[in-house]
């Protein structure tokens, strides 16, 4: 697999994660449904199609039009119910098949009401039934290590860095808007917004370096959760925003790619010769990701004066009782 292609794919996955961090829509007051909606199979993630722009991952809302690209049913449920993947309990195939959804919102509705309309769509077209519960599960508690944290406080930017609009992609609207500039194919991207201030992502043959100028702990735990095999919860009691640098190994990035459904061959970049662990769409097991003494994301967190501590905690869940693999026709 070519390095440039891999670089663009991995940065695309990370940017999809960053864009989702800022999306915290309020609960709508009345029941709503899309005016019209089309659901089609997207097929497995294809790096060549992603590079050429033929395949897009994630959700985009443009006025009344909702365009969802290559998302699994688990990811659709996460958007619809405003939960994280670890809070969705159901059959393993929910994380495999991907769908493209194009829909039109009714007059008078807004972007904050999309989750409720997506719930109605899943119930109607996939015959989704579910219930909610709370179950104790394994988590990583993000805590301050002995000696205190080593992060610097965020410094307010007196003037935003200049942006080349010709080479900038804008995602979202209002306070959730994210601007992405740079050259993903060469592995260098600058992200503004998304709860990270100004974040610079630079990728090399050994991994990626992410430098964010203003990160709250609630955003940091979401970022870290992309690289480990269980949810991350904030138990630092740290308030405010901080400058954060994460150095990610190629193995960390490969695990993100595997979890996203990308076919990474055993022994490939970031592999350990035995291939990625776990079922498709789920993070690799802990032994394939790293440990506090073995480098990887755990060591990067330690450099911040923090620690990922394995614990048990109650987890609120959406439990899927029934869902069809194929939606009813458009």
C-alpha atoms as a PDB file:
ATOM      1  CA  UNK A   1       0.000   0.000   0.000  1.00  0.00           C
ATOM      2  CA  UNK A   2       1.432   3.344  -0.954  1.00  0.00           C
ATOM      3  CA  UNK A   3       2.466   5.627   1.912  1.00  0.00           C
ATOM      4  CA  UNK A   4       0.731   8.720   0.495  1.00  0.00           C
ATOM      5  CA  UNK A   5      -2.543   6.857   0.088  1.00  0.00           C
ATOM      6  CA  UNK A   6      -2.313   5.460   3.611  1.00  0.00           C
ATOM      7  CA  UNK A   7      -1.451   8.898   4.986  1.00  0.00           C
ATOM      8  CA  UNK A   8      -4.491  10.536   3.423  1.00  0.00           C
ATOM      9  CA  UNK A   9      -6.784   7.751   4.586  1.00  0.00           C
ATOM     10  CA  UNK A  10      -5.573   7.865   8.190  1.00  0.00           C
ATOM     11  CA  UNK A  11      -5.783  11.649   8.401  1.00  0.00           C
ATOM     12  CA  UNK A  12      -9.290  11.438   6.947  1.00  0.00           C
ATOM     13  CA  UNK A  13     -10.323   9.035   9.706  1.00  0.00           C
ATOM     14  CA  UNK A  14      -8.817  11.311  12.360  1.00  0.00           C
ATOM     15  CA  UNK A  15     -10.517  14.389  10.911  1.00  0.00           C
ATOM     16  CA  UNK A  16     -13.865  12.610  10.967  1.00  0.00           C
ATOM     17  CA  UNK A  17     -13.268  12.011  14.664  1.00  0.00           C
ATOM     18  CA  UNK A  18     -12.283  15.622  15.349  1.00  0.00           C
ATOM     19  CA  UNK A  19     -15.333  16.969  13.536  1.00  0.00           C
ATOM     20  CA  UNK A  20     -17.624  14.793  15.634  1.00  0.00           C
ATOM     21  CA  UNK A  21     -16.215  16.077  18.931  1.00  0.00           C
ATOM     22  CA  UNK A  22     -17.919  19.441  18.649  1.00  0.00           C
ATOM     23  CA  UNK A  23     -21.343  18.134  17.688  1.00  0.00           C
ATOM     24  CA  UNK A  24     -23.558  18.314  20.776  1.00  0.00           C
ATOM     25  CA  UNK A  25     -27.079  18.965  19.430  1.00  0.00           C
ATOM     26  CA  UNK A  26     -29.833  19.828  21.871  1.00  0.00           C
ATOM     27  CA  UNK A  27     -32.796  17.503  22.300  1.00  0.00           C
ATOM     28  CA  UNK A  28     -35.681  18.521  20.014  1.00  0.00           C
ATOM     29  CA  UNK A  29     -39.096  19.295  21.477  1.00  0.00           C
ATOM     30  CA  UNK A  30     -41.352  17.565  18.934  1.00  0.00           C
ATOM     31  CA  UNK A  31     -41.266  14.345  16.913  1.00  0.00           C
ATOM     32  CA  UNK A  32     -39.912  14.860  13.410  1.00  0.00           C
ATOM     33  CA  UNK A  33     -39.080  12.784  10.356  1.00  0.00           C
ATOM     34  CA  UNK A  34     -37.218  13.424   7.118  1.00  0.00           C
ATOM     35  CA  UNK A  35     -39.410  14.631   4.274  1.00  0.00           C
ATOM     36  CA  UNK A  36     -37.735  12.179   1.878  1.00  0.00           C
ATOM     37  CA  UNK A  37     -34.758   9.859   2.332  1.00  0.00           C
ATOM     38  CA  UNK A  38     -32.653   7.511   0.216  1.00  0.00           C
ATOM     39  CA  UNK A  39     -30.520   4.700   1.714  1.00  0.00           C
ATOM     40  CA  UNK A  40     -28.032   2.796  -0.424  1.00  0.00           C
ATOM     41  CA  UNK A  41     -25.205   0.322   0.352  1.00  0.00           C
ATOM     42  CA  UNK A  42     -21.808   2.037   0.389  1.00  0.00           C
ATOM     43  CA  UNK A  43     -19.588  -1.036   0.229  1.00  0.00           C
ATOM     44  CA  UNK A  44     -16.404  -1.482   2.289  1.00  0.00           C
ATOM     45  CA  UNK A  45     -14.013   1.411   2.777  1.00  0.00           C
ATOM     46  CA  UNK A  46     -11.852   1.780  -0.331  1.00  0.00           C
ATOM     47  CA  UNK A  47      -8.684   3.903   0.094  1.00  0.00           C
ATOM     48  CA  UNK A  48      -8.480   4.561  -3.666  1.00  0.00           C
ATOM     49  CA  UNK A  49     -12.059   5.861  -3.776  1.00  0.00           C
ATOM     50  CA  UNK A  50     -11.474   7.954  -0.653  1.00  0.00           C
ATOM     51  CA  UNK A  51      -8.373   9.482  -2.223  1.00  0.00           C
ATOM     52  CA  UNK A  52     -10.209  10.307  -5.449  1.00  0.00           C
ATOM     53  CA  UNK A  53     -13.223  11.745  -3.639  1.00  0.00           C
ATOM     54  CA  UNK A  54     -15.616   9.015  -4.834  1.00  0.00           C
ATOM     55  CA  UNK A  55     -16.188   7.855  -1.251  1.00  0.00           C
ATOM     56  CA  UNK A  56     -16.780  10.137   1.719  1.00  0.00           C
ATOM     57  CA  UNK A  57     -17.013   9.222   5.405  1.00  0.00           C
ATOM     58  CA  UNK A  58     -19.236  11.041   7.883  1.00  0.00           C
ATOM     59  CA  UNK A  59     -22.208  13.395   7.924  1.00  0.00           C
ATOM     60  CA  UNK A  60     -22.639  16.767   6.249  1.00  0.00           C
ATOM     61  CA  UNK A  61     -25.650  19.054   6.652  1.00  0.00           C
ATOM     62  CA  UNK A  62     -26.153  21.790   4.055  1.00  0.00           C
ATOM     63  CA  UNK A  63     -29.279  23.815   4.826  1.00  0.00           C
ATOM     64  CA  UNK A  64     -32.150  21.313   4.419  1.00  0.00           C
ATOM     65  CA  UNK A  65     -30.044  18.525   2.880  1.00  0.00           C
ATOM     66  CA  UNK A  66     -28.436  15.781   4.976  1.00  0.00           C
ATOM     67  CA  UNK A  67     -25.679  13.739   3.317  1.00  0.00           C
ATOM     68  CA  UNK A  68     -24.296  10.747   5.250  1.00  0.00           C
ATOM     69  CA  UNK A  69     -21.426   8.844   3.672  1.00  0.00           C
ATOM     70  CA  UNK A  70     -20.219   5.278   4.308  1.00  0.00           C
ATOM     71  CA  UNK A  71     -21.447   4.909   7.887  1.00  0.00           C
ATOM     72  CA  UNK A  72     -22.208   1.614   9.638  1.00  0.00           C
ATOM     73  CA  UNK A  73     -25.440   0.983  11.507  1.00  0.00           C
ATOM     74  CA  UNK A  74     -23.539   1.358  14.770  1.00  0.00           C
ATOM     75  CA  UNK A  75     -22.354   4.792  13.656  1.00  0.00           C
ATOM     76  CA  UNK A  76     -25.862   5.762  12.536  1.00  0.00           C
ATOM     77  CA  UNK A  77     -27.255   4.699  15.908  1.00  0.00           C
ATOM     78  CA  UNK A  78     -24.560   6.784  17.628  1.00  0.00           C
ATOM     79  CA  UNK A  79     -25.637   9.891  15.701  1.00  0.00           C
ATOM     80  CA  UNK A  80     -29.338   9.183  16.195  1.00  0.00           C
ATOM     81  CA  UNK A  81     -29.158   8.639  19.954  1.00  0.00           C
ATOM     82  CA  UNK A  82     -26.157  10.880  20.694  1.00  0.00           C
ATOM     83  CA  UNK A  83     -24.083   8.076  22.214  1.00  0.00           C
ATOM     84  CA  UNK A  84     -20.616   6.618  21.638  1.00  0.00           C
ATOM     85  CA  UNK A  85     -19.872   3.282  19.902  1.00  0.00           C
ATOM     86  CA  UNK A  86     -19.132   1.525  23.201  1.00  0.00           C
ATOM     87  CA  UNK A  87     -22.675   2.389  24.318  1.00  0.00           C
ATOM     88  CA  UNK A  88     -24.309   0.422  21.482  1.00  0.00           C
ATOM     89  CA  UNK A  89     -24.928  -3.275  22.199  1.00  0.00           C
ATOM     90  CA  UNK A  90     -25.971  -5.491  19.301  1.00  0.00           C
ATOM     91  CA  UNK A  91     -24.812  -8.084  16.763  1.00  0.00           C
ATOM     92  CA  UNK A  92     -21.258  -7.814  15.436  1.00  0.00           C
ATOM     93  CA  UNK A  93     -22.418  -7.188  11.854  1.00  0.00           C
ATOM     94  CA  UNK A  94     -23.715  -3.749  12.884  1.00  0.00           C
ATOM     95  CA  UNK A  95     -20.125  -2.537  12.513  1.00  0.00           C
ATOM     96  CA  UNK A  96     -19.494  -4.109   9.093  1.00  0.00           C
ATOM     97  CA  UNK A  97     -21.971  -3.019   6.390  1.00  0.00           C
ATOM     98  CA  UNK A  98     -21.890   0.673   5.435  1.00  0.00           C
ATOM     99  CA  UNK A  99     -24.601   2.888   3.998  1.00  0.00           C
ATOM    100  CA  UNK A 100     -24.999   6.199   2.194  1.00  0.00           C
ATOM    101  CA  UNK A 101     -27.993   8.249   3.299  1.00  0.00           C
ATOM    102  CA  UNK A 102     -29.336  11.314   1.523  1.00  0.00           C
ATOM    103  CA  UNK A 103     -32.315  13.047   3.098  1.00  0.00           C
ATOM    104  CA  UNK A 104     -34.257  16.296   3.058  1.00  0.00           C
ATOM    105  CA  UNK A 105     -35.400  17.925   6.276  1.00  0.00           C
ATOM    106  CA  UNK A 106     -38.932  19.378   6.469  1.00  0.00           C
ATOM    107  CA  UNK A 107     -39.444  23.139   6.343  1.00  0.00           C
ATOM    108  CA  UNK A 108     -38.874  24.838   9.668  1.00  0.00           C
ATOM    109  CA  UNK A 109     -36.493  22.180  11.014  1.00  0.00           C
ATOM    110  CA  UNK A 110     -32.792  22.647  11.729  1.00  0.00           C
ATOM    111  CA  UNK A 111     -29.526  20.733  12.052  1.00  0.00           C
ATOM    112  CA  UNK A 112     -29.988  20.143  15.778  1.00  0.00           C
ATOM    113  CA  UNK A 113     -33.049  18.007  15.005  1.00  0.00           C
ATOM    114  CA  UNK A 114     -31.253  15.619  12.636  1.00  0.00           C
ATOM    115  CA  UNK A 115     -30.652  12.950  15.349  1.00  0.00           C
ATOM    116  CA  UNK A 116     -34.375  12.595  16.059  1.00  0.00           C
ATOM    117  CA  UNK A 117     -35.182  12.373  12.345  1.00  0.00           C
ATOM    118  CA  UNK A 118     -32.475   9.742  11.925  1.00  0.00           C
ATOM    119  CA  UNK A 119     -34.023   7.745  14.781  1.00  0.00           C
ATOM    120  CA  UNK A 120     -37.339   7.735  12.940  1.00  0.00           C
ATOM    121  CA  UNK A 121     -35.602   6.663   9.716  1.00  0.00           C
ATOM    122  CA  UNK A 122     -33.845   3.715  11.399  1.00  0.00           C
ATOM    123  CA  UNK A 123     -37.091   2.587  13.002  1.00  0.00           C
ATOM    124  CA  UNK A 124     -39.032   2.833   9.742  1.00  0.00           C
ATOM    125  CA  UNK A 125     -36.531   1.521   7.213  1.00  0.00           C
ATOM    126  CA  UNK A 126     -34.407  -0.910   9.287  1.00  0.00           C
ATOM    127  CA  UNK A 127     -37.269  -1.952  11.623  1.00  0.00           C
ATOM    128  CA  UNK A 128     -35.102  -1.000  14.591  1.00  0.00           C
ATOM    129  CA  UNK A 129     -36.331  -1.861  18.080  1.00  0.00           C
ATOM    130  CA  UNK A 130     -34.261  -1.210  21.196  1.00  0.00           C
ATOM    131  CA  UNK A 131     -34.225  -0.612  24.917  1.00  0.00           C
ATOM    132  CA  UNK A 132     -31.910   1.271  27.258  1.00  0.00           C
ATOM    133  CA  UNK A 133     -30.013  -0.075  30.246  1.00  0.00           C
ATOM    134  CA  UNK A 134     -26.930   0.484  32.390  1.00  0.00           C
ATOM    135  CA  UNK A 135     -24.238  -2.170  32.731  1.00  0.00           C
ATOM    136  CA  UNK A 136     -20.876  -2.230  34.458  1.00  0.00           C
ATOM    137  CA  UNK A 137     -18.014  -2.417  31.975  1.00  0.00           C
ATOM    138  CA  UNK A 138     -14.279  -1.943  31.549  1.00  0.00           C
ATOM    139  CA  UNK A 139     -13.024   1.610  31.055  1.00  0.00           C
ATOM    140  CA  UNK A 140      -9.808   3.584  31.222  1.00  0.00           C
ATOM    141  CA  UNK A 141      -9.958   6.389  33.760  1.00  0.00           C
ATOM    142  CA  UNK A 142      -7.851   9.357  32.667  1.00  0.00           C
ATOM    143  CA  UNK A 143      -6.185  10.535  35.890  1.00  0.00           C
ATOM    144  CA  UNK A 144      -3.369  12.893  36.845  1.00  0.00           C
ATOM    145  CA  UNK A 145      -0.126  10.973  37.398  1.00  0.00           C
ATOM    146  CA  UNK A 146       2.050  11.343  40.486  1.00  0.00           C
ATOM    147  CA  UNK A 147       3.892  14.648  40.328  1.00  0.00           C
ATOM    148  CA  UNK A 148       1.044  16.455  38.571  1.00  0.00           C
ATOM    149  CA  UNK A 149       0.235  17.106  34.935  1.00  0.00           C
ATOM    150  CA  UNK A 150       2.798  18.650  32.575  1.00  0.00           C
ATOM    151  CA  UNK A 151       0.468  20.439  30.170  1.00  0.00           C
ATOM    152  CA  UNK A 152       0.659  24.174  29.589  1.00  0.00           C
ATOM    153  CA  UNK A 153      -2.446  26.319  29.820  1.00  0.00           C
ATOM    154  CA  UNK A 154      -3.948  27.329  26.489  1.00  0.00           C
ATOM    155  CA  UNK A 155      -2.943  30.803  25.315  1.00  0.00           C
ATOM    156  CA  UNK A 156      -5.716  32.831  23.654  1.00  0.00           C
ATOM    157  CA  UNK A 157      -4.917  33.551  20.024  1.00  0.00           C
ATOM    158  CA  UNK A 158      -4.846  37.315  19.505  1.00  0.00           C
ATOM    159  CA  UNK A 159      -5.412  36.814  15.789  1.00  0.00           C
ATOM    160  CA  UNK A 160      -6.331  33.544  14.028  1.00  0.00           C
ATOM    161  CA  UNK A 161      -3.643  32.247  11.656  1.00  0.00           C
ATOM    162  CA  UNK A 162      -4.338  33.146   8.008  1.00  0.00           C
ATOM    163  CA  UNK A 163      -6.377  30.607   6.057  1.00  0.00           C
ATOM    164  CA  UNK A 164      -6.064  29.892   2.340  1.00  0.00           C
ATOM    165  CA  UNK A 165      -9.747  29.572   1.438  1.00  0.00           C
ATOM    166  CA  UNK A 166      -8.917  27.894  -1.876  1.00  0.00           C
ATOM    167  CA  UNK A 167      -7.350  24.946  -0.041  1.00  0.00           C
ATOM    168  CA  UNK A 168      -9.662  24.861   2.970  1.00  0.00           C
ATOM    169  CA  UNK A 169     -12.559  22.498   3.636  1.00  0.00           C
ATOM    170  CA  UNK A 170     -15.321  23.669   5.990  1.00  0.00           C
ATOM    171  CA  UNK A 171     -17.378  21.140   7.974  1.00  0.00           C
ATOM    172  CA  UNK A 172     -20.394  22.035  10.111  1.00  0.00           C
ATOM    173  CA  UNK A 173     -21.950  25.360  10.929  1.00  0.00           C
ATOM    174  CA  UNK A 174     -21.863  27.995  13.692  1.00  0.00           C
ATOM    175  CA  UNK A 175     -20.034  27.005  16.876  1.00  0.00           C
ATOM    176  CA  UNK A 176     -19.530  23.465  15.540  1.00  0.00           C
ATOM    177  CA  UNK A 177     -17.764  24.637  12.377  1.00  0.00           C
ATOM    178  CA  UNK A 178     -14.370  23.079  11.626  1.00  0.00           C
ATOM    179  CA  UNK A 179     -11.946  24.410   9.007  1.00  0.00           C
ATOM    180  CA  UNK A 180      -9.408  21.968   7.581  1.00  0.00           C
ATOM    181  CA  UNK A 181      -6.471  23.199   5.513  1.00  0.00           C
ATOM    182  CA  UNK A 182      -3.152  21.801   4.348  1.00  0.00           C
ATOM    183  CA  UNK A 183      -2.249  18.753   2.286  1.00  0.00           C
ATOM    184  CA  UNK A 184      -3.613  15.431   3.625  1.00  0.00           C
ATOM    185  CA  UNK A 185      -1.854  13.529   0.840  1.00  0.00           C
ATOM    186  CA  UNK A 186       1.501  14.742   2.118  1.00  0.00           C
ATOM    187  CA  UNK A 187       0.464  14.153   5.720  1.00  0.00           C
ATOM    188  CA  UNK A 188       0.284  17.778   6.919  1.00  0.00           C
ATOM    189  CA  UNK A 189      -3.026  19.277   8.027  1.00  0.00           C
ATOM    190  CA  UNK A 190      -4.170  22.208  10.181  1.00  0.00           C
ATOM    191  CA  UNK A 191      -7.587  21.972  11.854  1.00  0.00           C
ATOM    192  CA  UNK A 192      -9.296  24.981  13.424  1.00  0.00           C
ATOM    193  CA  UNK A 193     -12.321  24.414  15.626  1.00  0.00           C
ATOM    194  CA  UNK A 194     -13.782  21.118  16.782  1.00  0.00           C
ATOM    195  CA  UNK A 195     -12.905  21.755  20.426  1.00  0.00           C
ATOM    196  CA  UNK A 196      -9.129  21.641  19.917  1.00  0.00           C
ATOM    197  CA  UNK A 197      -8.275  25.272  19.122  1.00  0.00           C
ATOM    198  CA  UNK A 198      -5.724  25.125  16.314  1.00  0.00           C
ATOM    199  CA  UNK A 199      -4.510  21.560  15.815  1.00  0.00           C
ATOM    200  CA  UNK A 200      -1.599  20.604  13.589  1.00  0.00           C
ATOM    201  CA  UNK A 201      -1.336  17.028  12.339  1.00  0.00           C
ATOM    202  CA  UNK A 202       1.925  15.909  10.774  1.00  0.00           C
ATOM    203  CA  UNK A 203       2.416  12.348   9.568  1.00  0.00           C
ATOM    204  CA  UNK A 204       5.672  10.567   8.850  1.00  0.00           C
ATOM    205  CA  UNK A 205       6.667   7.010   8.119  1.00  0.00           C
ATOM    206  CA  UNK A 206       6.798   6.124  11.837  1.00  0.00           C
ATOM    207  CA  UNK A 207       3.543   7.717  12.925  1.00  0.00           C
ATOM    208  CA  UNK A 208       1.725  10.989  13.497  1.00  0.00           C
ATOM    209  CA  UNK A 209       2.240  14.014  15.715  1.00  0.00           C
ATOM    210  CA  UNK A 210      -0.830  15.997  16.810  1.00  0.00           C
ATOM    211  CA  UNK A 211      -0.393  19.407  18.461  1.00  0.00           C
ATOM    212  CA  UNK A 212      -3.557  21.107  19.745  1.00  0.00           C
ATOM    213  CA  UNK A 213      -3.529  24.623  21.192  1.00  0.00           C
ATOM    214  CA  UNK A 214      -6.658  24.523  23.369  1.00  0.00           C
ATOM    215  CA  UNK A 215      -8.168  21.218  24.523  1.00  0.00           C
ATOM    216  CA  UNK A 216     -10.623  20.555  27.329  1.00  0.00           C
ATOM    217  CA  UNK A 217     -10.384  17.223  29.140  1.00  0.00           C
ATOM    218  CA  UNK A 218     -13.781  16.130  27.808  1.00  0.00           C
ATOM    219  CA  UNK A 219     -12.430  16.483  24.271  1.00  0.00           C
ATOM    220  CA  UNK A 220      -9.130  14.785  25.113  1.00  0.00           C
ATOM    221  CA  UNK A 221     -10.864  11.652  26.426  1.00  0.00           C
ATOM    222  CA  UNK A 222     -12.823  11.407  23.168  1.00  0.00           C
ATOM    223  CA  UNK A 223      -9.595  11.653  21.172  1.00  0.00           C
ATOM    224  CA  UNK A 224      -7.870   9.009  23.288  1.00  0.00           C
ATOM    225  CA  UNK A 225     -10.839   6.661  23.004  1.00  0.00           C
ATOM    226  CA  UNK A 226     -10.035   6.220  19.303  1.00  0.00           C
ATOM    227  CA  UNK A 227      -6.812   4.383  20.138  1.00  0.00           C
ATOM    228  CA  UNK A 228      -7.693   2.009  22.978  1.00  0.00           C
ATOM    229  CA  UNK A 229      -9.942  -1.014  23.379  1.00  0.00           C
ATOM    230  CA  UNK A 230     -12.371   0.476  25.909  1.00  0.00           C
ATOM    231  CA  UNK A 231     -14.060   3.808  26.747  1.00  0.00           C
ATOM    232  CA  UNK A 232     -12.041   6.589  28.381  1.00  0.00           C
ATOM    233  CA  UNK A 233     -13.612   8.624  31.187  1.00  0.00           C
ATOM    234  CA  UNK A 234     -12.276  11.860  32.627  1.00  0.00           C
ATOM    235  CA  UNK A 235     -11.324  11.650  36.303  1.00  0.00           C
ATOM    236  CA  UNK A 236      -8.633  14.350  36.288  1.00  0.00           C
ATOM    237  CA  UNK A 237     -10.785  17.130  37.818  1.00  0.00           C
ATOM    238  CA  UNK A 238      -8.856  19.499  35.532  1.00  0.00           C
ATOM    239  CA  UNK A 239     -10.777  22.529  34.307  1.00  0.00           C
ATOM    240  CA  UNK A 240     -10.012  24.903  31.471  1.00  0.00           C
ATOM    241  CA  UNK A 241      -8.125  24.340  28.223  1.00  0.00           C
ATOM    242  CA  UNK A 242      -4.583  23.053  27.724  1.00  0.00           C
ATOM    243  CA  UNK A 243      -1.936  22.723  25.045  1.00  0.00           C
ATOM    244  CA  UNK A 244      -1.690  19.027  24.179  1.00  0.00           C
ATOM    245  CA  UNK A 245       0.795  17.103  22.051  1.00  0.00           C
ATOM    246  CA  UNK A 246       0.236  13.446  21.196  1.00  0.00           C
ATOM    247  CA  UNK A 247       2.803  11.367  19.353  1.00  0.00           C
ATOM    248  CA  UNK A 248       1.069   8.370  17.810  1.00  0.00           C
ATOM    249  CA  UNK A 249       2.883   5.287  16.584  1.00  0.00           C
ATOM    250  CA  UNK A 250       2.053   3.741  13.229  1.00  0.00           C
ATOM    251  CA  UNK A 251       0.575   0.831  15.160  1.00  0.00           C
ATOM    252  CA  UNK A 252      -1.838   3.210  16.925  1.00  0.00           C
ATOM    253  CA  UNK A 253      -2.916   4.543  13.541  1.00  0.00           C
ATOM    254  CA  UNK A 254      -3.249   1.076  12.039  1.00  0.00           C
ATOM    255  CA  UNK A 255      -5.600   0.090  14.854  1.00  0.00           C
ATOM    256  CA  UNK A 256      -7.772   3.117  14.059  1.00  0.00           C
ATOM    257  CA  UNK A 257      -7.769   2.110  10.386  1.00  0.00           C
ATOM    258  CA  UNK A 258      -8.695  -1.500  11.223  1.00  0.00           C
ATOM    259  CA  UNK A 259     -11.507  -0.330  13.521  1.00  0.00           C
ATOM    260  CA  UNK A 260     -12.810   1.808  10.639  1.00  0.00           C
ATOM    261  CA  UNK A 261     -12.945  -1.264   8.388  1.00  0.00           C
ATOM    262  CA  UNK A 262      -9.766  -0.756   6.364  1.00  0.00           C
ATOM    263  CA  UNK A 263      -8.070  -4.011   5.356  1.00  0.00           C
ATOM    264  CA  UNK A 264      -4.572  -3.797   6.838  1.00  0.00           C
ATOM    265  CA  UNK A 265      -2.485  -6.891   6.014  1.00  0.00           C
ATOM    266  CA  UNK A 266      -0.735  -8.792   8.848  1.00  0.00           C
ATOM    267  CA  UNK A 267       2.790  -7.576   9.353  1.00  0.00           C
ATOM    268  CA  UNK A 268       2.054  -4.337   7.512  1.00  0.00           C
ATOM    269  CA  UNK A 269       2.957  -0.889   8.796  1.00  0.00           C
ATOM    270  CA  UNK A 270       2.265  -0.771  12.482  1.00  0.00           C
ATOM    271  CA  UNK A 271       1.500  -4.476  12.653  1.00  0.00           C
ATOM    272  CA  UNK A 272       3.148  -7.067  14.857  1.00  0.00           C
ATOM    273  CA  UNK A 273       3.157  -9.857  12.350  1.00  0.00           C
ATOM    274  CA  UNK A 274      -0.023 -11.323  13.754  1.00  0.00           C
ATOM    275  CA  UNK A 275      -2.496  -8.888  12.275  1.00  0.00           C
ATOM    276  CA  UNK A 276      -5.059  -6.706  13.963  1.00  0.00           C
ATOM    277  CA  UNK A 277      -7.184  -8.186  16.712  1.00  0.00           C
ATOM    278  CA  UNK A 278     -10.884  -8.103  17.263  1.00  0.00           C
ATOM    279  CA  UNK A 279     -13.888  -8.280  15.001  1.00  0.00           C
ATOM    280  CA  UNK A 280     -14.352  -5.827  12.123  1.00  0.00           C
ATOM    281  CA  UNK A 281     -15.336  -2.362  13.233  1.00  0.00           C
ATOM    282  CA  UNK A 282     -14.009  -2.754  16.760  1.00  0.00           C
ATOM    283  CA  UNK A 283     -10.708  -1.625  18.233  1.00  0.00           C
ATOM    284  CA  UNK A 284      -7.974  -4.203  18.495  1.00  0.00           C
ATOM    285  CA  UNK A 285      -7.438  -5.975  21.842  1.00  0.00           C
ATOM    286  CA  UNK A 286      -5.310  -4.244  24.459  1.00  0.00           C
ATOM    287  CA  UNK A 287      -2.350  -6.543  23.901  1.00  0.00           C
ATOM    288  CA  UNK A 288      -2.192  -5.369  20.276  1.00  0.00           C
ATOM    289  CA  UNK A 289      -2.405  -1.699  21.156  1.00  0.00           C
ATOM    290  CA  UNK A 290       0.264  -1.251  23.779  1.00  0.00           C
ATOM    291  CA  UNK A 291       0.672  -0.880  27.524  1.00  0.00           C
ATOM    292  CA  UNK A 292       2.040   1.766  29.873  1.00  0.00           C
ATOM    293  CA  UNK A 293       5.559   0.370  29.490  1.00  0.00           C
ATOM    294  CA  UNK A 294       5.469  -0.456  25.819  1.00  0.00           C
ATOM    295  CA  UNK A 295       5.324   2.917  24.104  1.00  0.00           C
ATOM    296  CA  UNK A 296       2.277   3.711  21.994  1.00  0.00           C
ATOM    297  CA  UNK A 297      -0.600   5.915  23.125  1.00  0.00           C
ATOM    298  CA  UNK A 298      -0.054   5.075  26.798  1.00  0.00           C
ATOM    299  CA  UNK A 299       3.469   6.491  26.749  1.00  0.00           C
ATOM    300  CA  UNK A 300       2.243   9.582  24.899  1.00  0.00           C
ATOM    301  CA  UNK A 301      -0.328  10.185  27.643  1.00  0.00           C
ATOM    302  CA  UNK A 302       2.357   9.763  30.301  1.00  0.00           C
ATOM    303  CA  UNK A 303       4.346  12.556  28.645  1.00  0.00           C
ATOM    304  CA  UNK A 304       1.415  14.856  29.536  1.00  0.00           C
ATOM    305  CA  UNK A 305       1.688  13.905  33.218  1.00  0.00           C
ATOM    306  CA  UNK A 306      -1.511  11.851  32.926  1.00  0.00           C
ATOM    307  CA  UNK A 307      -2.312   8.151  33.085  1.00  0.00           C
ATOM    308  CA  UNK A 308      -4.843   5.739  31.584  1.00  0.00           C
ATOM    309  CA  UNK A 309      -5.883   3.563  34.532  1.00  0.00           C
ATOM    310  CA  UNK A 310      -7.991   0.411  33.842  1.00  0.00           C
ATOM    311  CA  UNK A 311     -11.147   0.324  35.985  1.00  0.00           C
ATOM    312  CA  UNK A 312     -14.795  -0.763  36.066  1.00  0.00           C
ATOM    313  CA  UNK A 313     -17.633   1.750  35.723  1.00  0.00           C
ATOM    314  CA  UNK A 314     -21.371   1.822  34.888  1.00  0.00           C
ATOM    315  CA  UNK A 315     -22.052   2.436  31.184  1.00  0.00           C
ATOM    316  CA  UNK A 316     -25.401   3.647  29.814  1.00  0.00           C
ATOM    317  CA  UNK A 317     -26.275   1.641  26.687  1.00  0.00           C
ATOM    318  CA  UNK A 318     -28.632   1.426  23.730  1.00  0.00           C
ATOM    319  CA  UNK A 319     -29.382  -2.304  23.392  1.00  0.00           C
ATOM    320  CA  UNK A 320     -30.526  -3.356  19.912  1.00  0.00           C
ATOM    321  CA  UNK A 321     -33.375  -5.886  20.218  1.00  0.00           C
ATOM    322  CA  UNK A 322     -34.009  -6.175  16.467  1.00  0.00           C
ATOM    323  CA  UNK A 323     -32.726  -4.562  13.272  1.00  0.00           C
ATOM    324  CA  UNK A 324     -32.824  -5.661   9.632  1.00  0.00           C
ATOM    325  CA  UNK A 325     -29.597  -6.008   7.662  1.00  0.00           C
ATOM    326  CA  UNK A 326     -31.224  -4.494   4.571  1.00  0.00           C
ATOM    327  CA  UNK A 327     -33.443  -1.405   4.698  1.00  0.00           C
ATOM    328  CA  UNK A 328     -36.830  -1.312   3.014  1.00  0.00           C
ATOM    329  CA  UNK A 329     -36.728   0.138  -0.500  1.00  0.00           C
ATOM    330  CA  UNK A 330     -36.435   3.879  -1.101  1.00  0.00           C
END
